[in-house]
Amino acid sequence: MAKPTVGILHPGSMGAAVAACATTNAAAVLWCETGRSTASAARAARFGLTPVAELAELLDRSDIVISLCPPAAAEDLARDVVAHRFAGVYVEANAVNPERARRIAALLEPAATVVDGGVVGSPPARGKTPTLYLSGPVGETERIAALFAGTAVRTAVLGAKVGQASALKLSYATFQKTSRVLVALAVGMAREHGVDQELIEVASRRSDSYLAEPEYVAKTAARAWRWGPELEEAADTLAAADLPPEMLRAAAATLARWHDAKDDGELTLADALDRLAQP
């Protein structure tokens, strides 16, 4: 079988790294330059992705399109793809709730075939090996799994229903991301009373406690612009299941205090806690 041409929408930190892995089994991996930043262009070049000038060209040439963007943009991006009558396989790999995943699938079908995806783990670089969970039509989920065979992106097929992969992604995010927010609040409270080092010492006796990793608070702050919307999606998922969403909405509101720390790799723990304390 001929190698597919793949389009990535768009080459952010996760999207570019995932797309780079797809180059192993693809004829080419394309990205659209229009409207993207110089940082995106540099990232795409570093990962060996092929630039095209317009979205229409990317869609015309691609057999498979992978959508990896901030959750809030997922549906608008899908509508742009629909407008160009894309008829290949569309991997909806954003951190959206299951209902939104199904809504996006309804937009794209029947012209395109939609595979639901959810990436759990860090971008596949520097030894990281995330898992791309897949659900949807059997033949197409197998095709996407084959695209990443032998790469740093592991794949796992969950079932034939669009929404299953999104549900798993947000279920994990519910615990993992909210736990990190709670660490920030706990360390911030302890610091206010001069007992932060003692708190960390207590937590360090438990090797499985996020409190034993306070340095991760700065990383949490730098990722807050992405994590907050994910937790809002997860809160919607809880509400749809008649489960209380308030804890996740509160965590998202806490993350919003770090919005101006977007991707700040120089942020320290003290800086992050100081910003958290500013309304």
Protein backbone atom coordinates (compact mmCIF):
# COMPACT_ATOMS: atom_id res chain seq x y z
CA MET A 1 0.00 0.00 0.00
CA ALA A 2 1.30 3.46 -0.92
CA LYS A 3 2.40 5.67 1.92
CA PRO A 4 -0.18 8.36 2.76
CA THR A 5 0.36 12.10 2.68
CA VAL A 6 -0.51 13.62 6.05
CA GLY A 7 -1.54 17.15 6.98
CA ILE A 8 -1.09 18.53 10.50
CA LEU A 9 -3.34 21.27 11.88
CA HIS A 10 -1.27 22.85 13.43
CA PRO A 11 2.41 22.47 14.40
CA GLY A 12 2.26 23.51 18.05
CA SER A 13 4.54 21.82 20.58
CA MET A 14 2.45 18.64 20.58
CA GLY A 15 1.27 18.78 16.96
CA ALA A 16 4.73 19.25 15.48
CA ALA A 17 6.28 16.45 17.53
CA VAL A 18 3.44 14.03 16.69
CA ALA A 19 3.66 15.02 13.02
CA ALA A 20 7.40 14.40 13.05
CA CYS A 21 6.74 10.82 14.15
CA ALA A 22 4.22 10.41 11.31
CA THR A 23 6.97 11.20 8.79
CA THR A 24 8.40 7.71 9.43
CA ASN A 25 5.51 6.02 7.61
CA ALA A 26 4.14 8.87 5.47
CA ALA A 27 5.07 10.05 1.99
CA ALA A 28 5.10 13.61 3.36
CA VAL A 29 3.72 15.56 6.32
CA LEU A 30 2.36 18.98 5.34
CA TRP A 31 1.56 22.08 7.35
CA CYS A 32 -0.04 25.37 6.29
CA GLU A 33 2.02 28.55 6.72
CA THR A 34 -0.88 31.00 6.45
CA GLY A 35 -1.63 32.73 9.72
CA ARG A 36 1.01 30.86 11.70
CA SER A 37 3.73 32.47 13.80
CA THR A 38 7.46 32.51 13.18
CA ALA A 39 7.78 30.17 16.16
CA SER A 40 5.47 27.68 14.44
CA ALA A 41 7.50 27.95 11.23
CA ALA A 42 10.76 27.34 13.09
CA ARG A 43 9.23 24.38 14.93
CA ALA A 44 7.89 22.84 11.73
CA ALA A 45 11.27 23.24 10.02
CA ARG A 46 13.06 21.66 12.97
CA PHE A 47 10.78 18.62 12.76
CA GLY A 48 11.14 18.25 8.99
CA LEU A 49 7.57 19.13 8.03
CA THR A 50 6.75 20.33 4.50
CA PRO A 51 5.22 23.82 4.24
CA VAL A 52 2.34 24.70 1.90
CA ALA A 53 0.93 28.18 1.36
CA GLU A 54 -2.80 27.57 1.74
CA LEU A 55 -5.13 25.26 3.67
CA ALA A 56 -6.79 24.26 0.40
CA GLU A 57 -3.50 22.85 -0.91
CA LEU A 58 -2.88 20.91 2.30
CA LEU A 59 -6.35 19.36 2.16
CA ASP A 60 -6.16 18.58 -1.56
CA ARG A 61 -2.86 16.74 -1.13
CA SER A 62 -3.54 14.98 2.19
CA ASP A 63 -4.99 11.50 2.63
CA ILE A 64 -5.02 11.94 6.42
CA VAL A 65 -5.42 15.17 8.39
CA ILE A 66 -4.58 15.33 12.10
CA SER A 67 -6.16 18.16 14.08
CA LEU A 68 -4.15 19.10 17.18
CA CYS A 69 -4.99 22.62 18.34
CA PRO A 70 -6.32 24.40 21.46
CA PRO A 71 -9.76 22.95 22.32
CA ALA A 72 -11.62 26.21 21.76
CA ALA A 73 -10.53 26.28 18.09
CA ALA A 74 -11.41 22.67 17.26
CA GLU A 75 -14.88 23.21 15.78
CA ASP A 76 -13.96 26.33 13.80
CA LEU A 77 -11.01 24.45 12.36
CA ALA A 78 -13.27 21.55 11.40
CA ARG A 79 -15.65 23.99 9.67
CA ASP A 80 -12.72 25.37 7.65
CA VAL A 81 -11.92 21.83 6.56
CA VAL A 82 -15.55 21.16 5.64
CA ALA A 83 -15.60 24.30 3.48
CA HIS A 84 -12.85 22.78 1.34
CA ARG A 85 -14.73 19.46 0.99
CA PHE A 86 -11.99 17.31 2.45
CA ALA A 87 -12.74 13.65 1.73
CA GLY A 88 -9.97 11.76 3.51
CA VAL A 89 -9.47 10.61 7.11
CA TYR A 90 -9.76 13.34 9.74
CA VAL A 91 -8.21 12.58 13.13
CA GLU A 92 -9.92 14.78 15.74
CA ALA A 93 -7.13 14.58 18.33
CA ASN A 94 -7.97 17.67 20.39
CA ALA A 95 -8.82 17.70 24.09
CA VAL A 96 -12.55 18.16 23.49
CA ASN A 97 -15.40 16.48 25.31
CA PRO A 98 -17.12 13.45 23.73
CA GLU A 99 -20.20 15.43 22.68
CA ARG A 100 -18.04 17.97 20.84
CA ALA A 101 -16.07 15.14 19.21
CA ARG A 102 -19.33 13.69 17.89
CA ARG A 103 -20.50 17.13 16.78
CA ILE A 104 -17.26 17.64 14.85
CA ALA A 105 -17.67 14.22 13.26
CA ALA A 106 -21.19 15.15 12.17
CA LEU A 107 -19.81 18.30 10.50
CA LEU A 108 -17.23 16.37 8.48
CA GLU A 109 -19.18 13.25 7.57
CA PRO A 110 -20.05 11.73 5.16
CA ALA A 111 -17.44 13.41 2.95
CA ALA A 112 -14.62 12.60 5.38
CA THR A 113 -14.15 9.66 7.75
CA VAL A 114 -13.57 10.80 11.33
CA VAL A 115 -11.34 9.06 13.86
CA ASP A 116 -11.54 10.27 17.46
CA GLY A 117 -8.14 10.65 19.10
CA GLY A 118 -6.68 11.64 22.45
CA VAL A 119 -2.99 12.07 23.27
CA VAL A 120 -2.01 11.13 26.81
CA GLY A 121 1.52 12.08 27.81
CA SER A 122 4.14 14.65 26.88
CA PRO A 123 5.13 15.49 23.28
CA PRO A 124 7.18 12.65 21.72
CA ALA A 125 10.62 14.22 22.00
CA ARG A 126 13.70 13.69 24.19
CA GLY A 127 12.70 10.13 25.03
CA LYS A 128 9.01 10.79 25.78
CA THR A 129 6.56 8.21 24.44
CA PRO A 130 2.93 9.40 24.65
CA THR A 131 0.00 7.23 23.67
CA LEU A 132 -2.48 8.26 21.00
CA TYR A 133 -5.78 6.61 21.92
CA LEU A 134 -8.12 6.04 19.00
CA SER A 135 -11.78 5.23 18.50
CA GLY A 136 -13.98 5.13 15.42
CA PRO A 137 -14.34 3.06 12.25
CA VAL A 138 -12.25 -0.08 12.62
CA GLY A 139 -10.36 0.06 9.34
CA GLU A 140 -9.44 3.71 9.80
CA THR A 141 -8.26 3.41 13.41
CA GLU A 142 -5.99 0.57 12.24
CA ARG A 143 -4.72 2.82 9.46
CA ILE A 144 -3.79 5.56 11.95
CA ALA A 145 -2.14 3.00 14.22
CA ALA A 146 -0.06 1.84 11.24
CA LEU A 147 0.95 5.43 10.53
CA PHE A 148 2.71 5.60 13.91
CA ALA A 149 4.05 2.04 14.01
CA GLY A 150 7.67 1.94 15.13
CA THR A 151 7.67 5.55 16.36
CA ALA A 152 7.70 7.28 19.74
CA VAL A 153 3.92 7.70 19.51
CA ARG A 154 2.27 4.57 20.83
CA THR A 155 -1.30 3.87 19.76
CA ALA A 156 -4.20 2.01 21.34
CA VAL A 157 -7.62 1.43 19.80
CA LEU A 158 -10.43 1.70 22.34
CA GLY A 159 -13.47 0.85 20.23
CA ALA A 160 -15.60 1.83 17.27
CA LYS A 161 -17.44 4.82 18.79
CA VAL A 162 -16.37 8.40 18.22
CA GLY A 163 -16.10 9.97 21.68
CA GLN A 164 -14.41 7.09 23.50
CA ALA A 165 -10.88 8.40 22.97
CA SER A 166 -11.94 11.92 23.96
CA ALA A 167 -13.59 10.56 27.10
CA LEU A 168 -10.41 8.75 28.15
CA LYS A 169 -8.24 11.80 27.49
CA LEU A 170 -10.44 14.05 29.61
CA SER A 171 -10.88 11.45 32.34
CA TYR A 172 -7.11 11.33 32.75
CA ALA A 173 -6.81 15.13 32.52
CA THR A 174 -9.41 15.45 35.27
CA PHE A 175 -7.06 13.78 37.73
CA GLN A 176 -3.64 14.71 36.43
CA LYS A 177 -4.13 18.40 35.75
CA THR A 178 -6.35 19.15 38.74
CA SER A 179 -3.84 17.41 41.02
CA ARG A 180 -1.11 19.77 39.82
CA VAL A 181 -3.34 22.77 40.54
CA LEU A 182 -3.95 21.47 44.06
CA VAL A 183 -0.18 21.24 44.59
CA ALA A 184 0.16 24.91 43.70
CA LEU A 185 -2.59 25.89 46.13
CA ALA A 186 -1.17 23.71 48.92
CA VAL A 187 2.39 25.04 48.52
CA GLY A 188 1.10 28.60 48.20
CA MET A 189 -0.88 28.24 51.45
CA ALA A 190 2.10 26.74 53.28
CA ARG A 191 4.45 29.46 52.00
CA GLU A 192 2.11 32.15 53.35
CA HIS A 193 2.67 30.68 56.82
CA GLY A 194 6.37 29.92 56.41
CA VAL A 195 5.98 26.14 56.42
CA ASP A 196 6.37 25.35 52.71
CA GLN A 197 9.64 23.45 53.12
CA GLU A 198 8.12 21.40 55.93
CA LEU A 199 5.15 20.57 53.70
CA ILE A 200 7.47 19.38 50.95
CA GLU A 201 9.43 17.30 53.47
CA VAL A 202 6.22 15.64 54.68
CA ALA A 203 5.14 14.93 51.11
CA SER A 204 8.56 13.59 50.11
CA ARG A 205 8.02 10.65 52.45
CA ARG A 206 5.37 9.50 49.98
CA SER A 207 7.00 8.78 46.64
CA ASP A 208 3.65 8.84 44.85
CA SER A 209 2.67 12.35 45.97
CA TYR A 210 2.62 15.27 43.55
CA LEU A 211 3.36 17.45 46.58
CA ALA A 212 6.85 15.95 46.54
CA GLU A 213 7.39 17.67 43.15
CA PRO A 214 6.75 21.38 43.89
CA GLU A 215 9.11 22.42 41.10
CA TYR A 216 6.42 21.24 38.68
CA VAL A 217 4.22 24.18 39.74
CA ALA A 218 6.20 26.45 37.37
CA LYS A 219 5.61 24.03 34.50
CA THR A 220 1.92 23.95 35.40
CA ALA A 221 1.81 27.75 35.21
CA ALA A 222 3.49 27.77 31.79
CA ARG A 223 0.93 25.27 30.48
CA ALA A 224 -2.09 26.88 32.14
CA TRP A 225 -3.29 28.47 28.88
CA ARG A 226 -3.80 24.95 27.47
CA TRP A 227 -4.77 23.08 30.63
CA GLY A 228 -7.55 25.45 31.67
CA PRO A 229 -9.65 24.92 28.52
CA GLU A 230 -9.09 21.15 28.80
CA LEU A 231 -10.49 21.16 32.32
CA GLU A 232 -13.49 23.18 31.14
CA GLU A 233 -14.10 20.47 28.54
CA ALA A 234 -13.75 17.84 31.26
CA ALA A 235 -16.19 19.76 33.46
CA ASP A 236 -18.72 19.73 30.62
CA THR A 237 -18.22 15.97 30.37
CA LEU A 238 -18.89 15.53 34.09
CA ALA A 239 -22.00 17.70 33.88
CA ALA A 240 -23.29 15.63 30.95
CA ALA A 241 -22.92 12.53 33.13
CA ASP A 242 -24.80 14.21 36.02
CA LEU A 243 -21.56 14.41 38.01
CA PRO A 244 -20.57 17.66 39.78
CA PRO A 245 -18.31 19.81 37.58
CA GLU A 246 -17.56 22.56 40.12
CA MET A 247 -14.15 21.28 41.22
CA LEU A 248 -12.83 21.27 37.65
CA ARG A 249 -14.30 24.69 36.89
CA ALA A 250 -12.58 26.04 40.01
CA ALA A 251 -9.28 24.46 38.90
CA ALA A 252 -9.72 26.07 35.46
CA ALA A 253 -10.35 29.44 37.12
CA THR A 254 -7.16 28.99 39.16
CA LEU A 255 -5.19 28.21 36.00
CA ALA A 256 -6.56 31.38 34.41
CA ARG A 257 -4.46 33.41 36.87
CA TRP A 258 -1.38 32.11 35.02
CA HIS A 259 -2.60 33.00 31.54
CA ASP A 260 0.21 35.52 30.99
CA ALA A 261 2.82 32.85 31.80
CA LYS A 262 2.16 31.09 28.49
CA ASP A 263 5.05 28.73 27.63
CA ASP A 264 7.45 30.66 29.91
CA GLY A 265 10.33 28.25 30.31
CA GLU A 266 12.18 30.61 32.67
CA LEU A 267 9.45 30.75 35.32
CA THR A 268 10.50 29.74 38.85
CA LEU A 269 8.40 28.23 41.61
CA ALA A 270 8.44 31.55 43.49
CA ASP A 271 7.38 33.45 40.35
CA ALA A 272 4.51 31.06 39.74
CA LEU A 273 3.26 31.29 43.32
CA ASP A 274 3.52 35.09 43.26
CA ARG A 275 1.39 35.24 40.12
CA LEU A 276 -1.10 32.81 41.63
CA ALA A 277 -1.59 35.19 44.56
CA GLN A 278 -2.51 38.10 42.25
CA PRO A 279 -6.27 38.35 41.53
